[in-house]
Amino acid sequence: MAVSDAGPWAVTTPLLPISPNGGGDVTAALYLAHLFETGSPAAALARTTSSVFAILEATLAAGTRELQLVGAQGATARPDERFAVRALR
């Protein structure tokens, strides 16, 4: 979820069977980077969600709790926007 003066937005993803370390930190960092790049909270949310999901998929495939940031580095800078963001009002 992201909220700004322009409104609130939410996005949902499938649940992955993983409990990694550092997910909140990477989410905050990526959201800030995507927000600076796009200037749009909704676009930043879409990109952040796709980036983090790709990192989690790579982490799950590696069988580790440590985030696979290097393995998913392409998805952090230029993520495929896989999940729709919806306005909440």
Protein backbone atom coordinates (compact mmCIF):
# COMPACT_ATOMS: atom_id res chain seq x y z
CA MET A 1 0.00 0.00 0.00
CA ALA A 2 1.11 3.56 -0.73
CA VAL A 3 -0.62 6.78 0.28
CA SER A 4 0.07 10.34 -0.82
CA ASP A 5 -1.88 13.58 -1.25
CA ALA A 6 -3.06 12.17 -4.59
CA GLY A 7 -4.69 9.17 -2.90
CA PRO A 8 -4.15 5.62 -1.63
CA TRP A 9 -3.15 2.60 -3.74
CA ALA A 10 -2.80 -1.09 -3.03
CA VAL A 11 -1.37 -4.12 -4.79
CA THR A 12 -1.55 -7.83 -4.03
CA THR A 13 0.71 -10.70 -5.03
CA PRO A 14 0.68 -14.44 -4.66
CA LEU A 15 2.02 -15.71 -1.34
CA LEU A 16 5.43 -17.34 -1.61
CA PRO A 17 6.48 -20.03 0.92
CA ILE A 18 9.49 -18.07 2.19
CA SER A 19 10.56 -16.13 5.31
CA PRO A 20 13.59 -14.12 4.21
CA ASN A 21 15.71 -11.63 6.12
CA GLY A 22 15.79 -7.97 5.06
CA GLY A 23 12.56 -7.71 3.09
CA GLY A 24 11.45 -4.48 4.74
CA ASP A 25 14.78 -2.76 4.18
CA VAL A 26 14.94 -3.64 0.50
CA THR A 27 11.29 -2.64 0.02
CA ALA A 28 11.86 0.80 1.55
CA ALA A 29 15.02 1.40 -0.48
CA LEU A 30 13.44 0.30 -3.76
CA TYR A 31 10.27 2.32 -3.17
CA LEU A 32 12.30 5.47 -2.58
CA ALA A 33 14.41 4.86 -5.70
CA HIS A 34 11.36 4.15 -7.87
CA LEU A 35 9.52 7.17 -6.43
CA PHE A 36 12.43 9.47 -7.29
CA GLU A 37 12.58 8.02 -10.79
CA THR A 38 8.86 8.11 -11.58
CA GLY A 39 7.52 10.90 -9.37
CA SER A 40 4.39 8.79 -8.91
CA PRO A 41 3.54 6.87 -5.74
CA ALA A 42 1.34 4.45 -7.74
CA ALA A 43 4.06 3.74 -10.31
CA ALA A 44 6.66 3.40 -7.56
CA LEU A 45 4.41 0.90 -5.77
CA ALA A 46 3.97 -1.15 -8.96
CA ARG A 47 7.70 -1.22 -9.65
CA THR A 48 8.63 -1.92 -6.04
CA THR A 49 6.18 -4.82 -5.81
CA SER A 50 7.53 -6.38 -8.99
CA SER A 51 11.15 -5.85 -7.90
CA VAL A 52 10.65 -7.34 -4.46
CA PHE A 53 8.66 -10.27 -5.82
CA ALA A 54 11.47 -11.07 -8.28
CA ILE A 55 14.01 -10.93 -5.44
CA LEU A 56 11.85 -13.26 -3.35
CA GLU A 57 11.46 -15.69 -6.25
CA ALA A 58 15.24 -15.77 -6.72
CA THR A 59 15.70 -16.27 -2.98
CA LEU A 60 13.19 -19.12 -2.93
CA ALA A 61 14.93 -20.77 -5.90
CA ALA A 62 18.27 -20.47 -4.11
CA GLY A 63 16.84 -22.14 -0.99
CA THR A 64 18.17 -19.49 1.39
CA ARG A 65 16.80 -16.89 3.80
CA GLU A 66 19.30 -14.29 2.59
CA LEU A 67 17.85 -12.14 -0.16
CA GLN A 68 19.34 -12.84 -3.57
CA LEU A 69 19.90 -9.18 -4.47
CA VAL A 70 22.68 -9.86 -6.97
CA GLY A 71 20.80 -12.71 -8.61
CA ALA A 72 17.77 -10.47 -9.16
CA GLN A 73 19.60 -7.21 -9.82
CA GLY A 74 18.04 -6.74 -13.26
CA ALA A 75 14.59 -6.73 -11.67
CA THR A 76 15.55 -4.10 -9.13
CA ALA A 77 16.46 -1.43 -11.67
CA ARG A 78 14.02 -2.26 -14.48
CA PRO A 79 11.29 -4.54 -13.15
CA ASP A 80 8.65 -6.15 -15.33
CA GLU A 81 5.48 -4.68 -13.87
CA ARG A 82 3.66 -7.89 -13.12
CA PHE A 83 1.02 -6.75 -10.64
CA ALA A 84 -1.78 -4.24 -11.07
CA VAL A 85 -2.01 -1.34 -8.64
CA ARG A 86 -5.54 -0.31 -7.73
CA ALA A 87 -6.76 2.99 -6.35
CA LEU A 88 -8.57 2.58 -3.06
CA ARG A 89 -10.86 5.58 -3.51
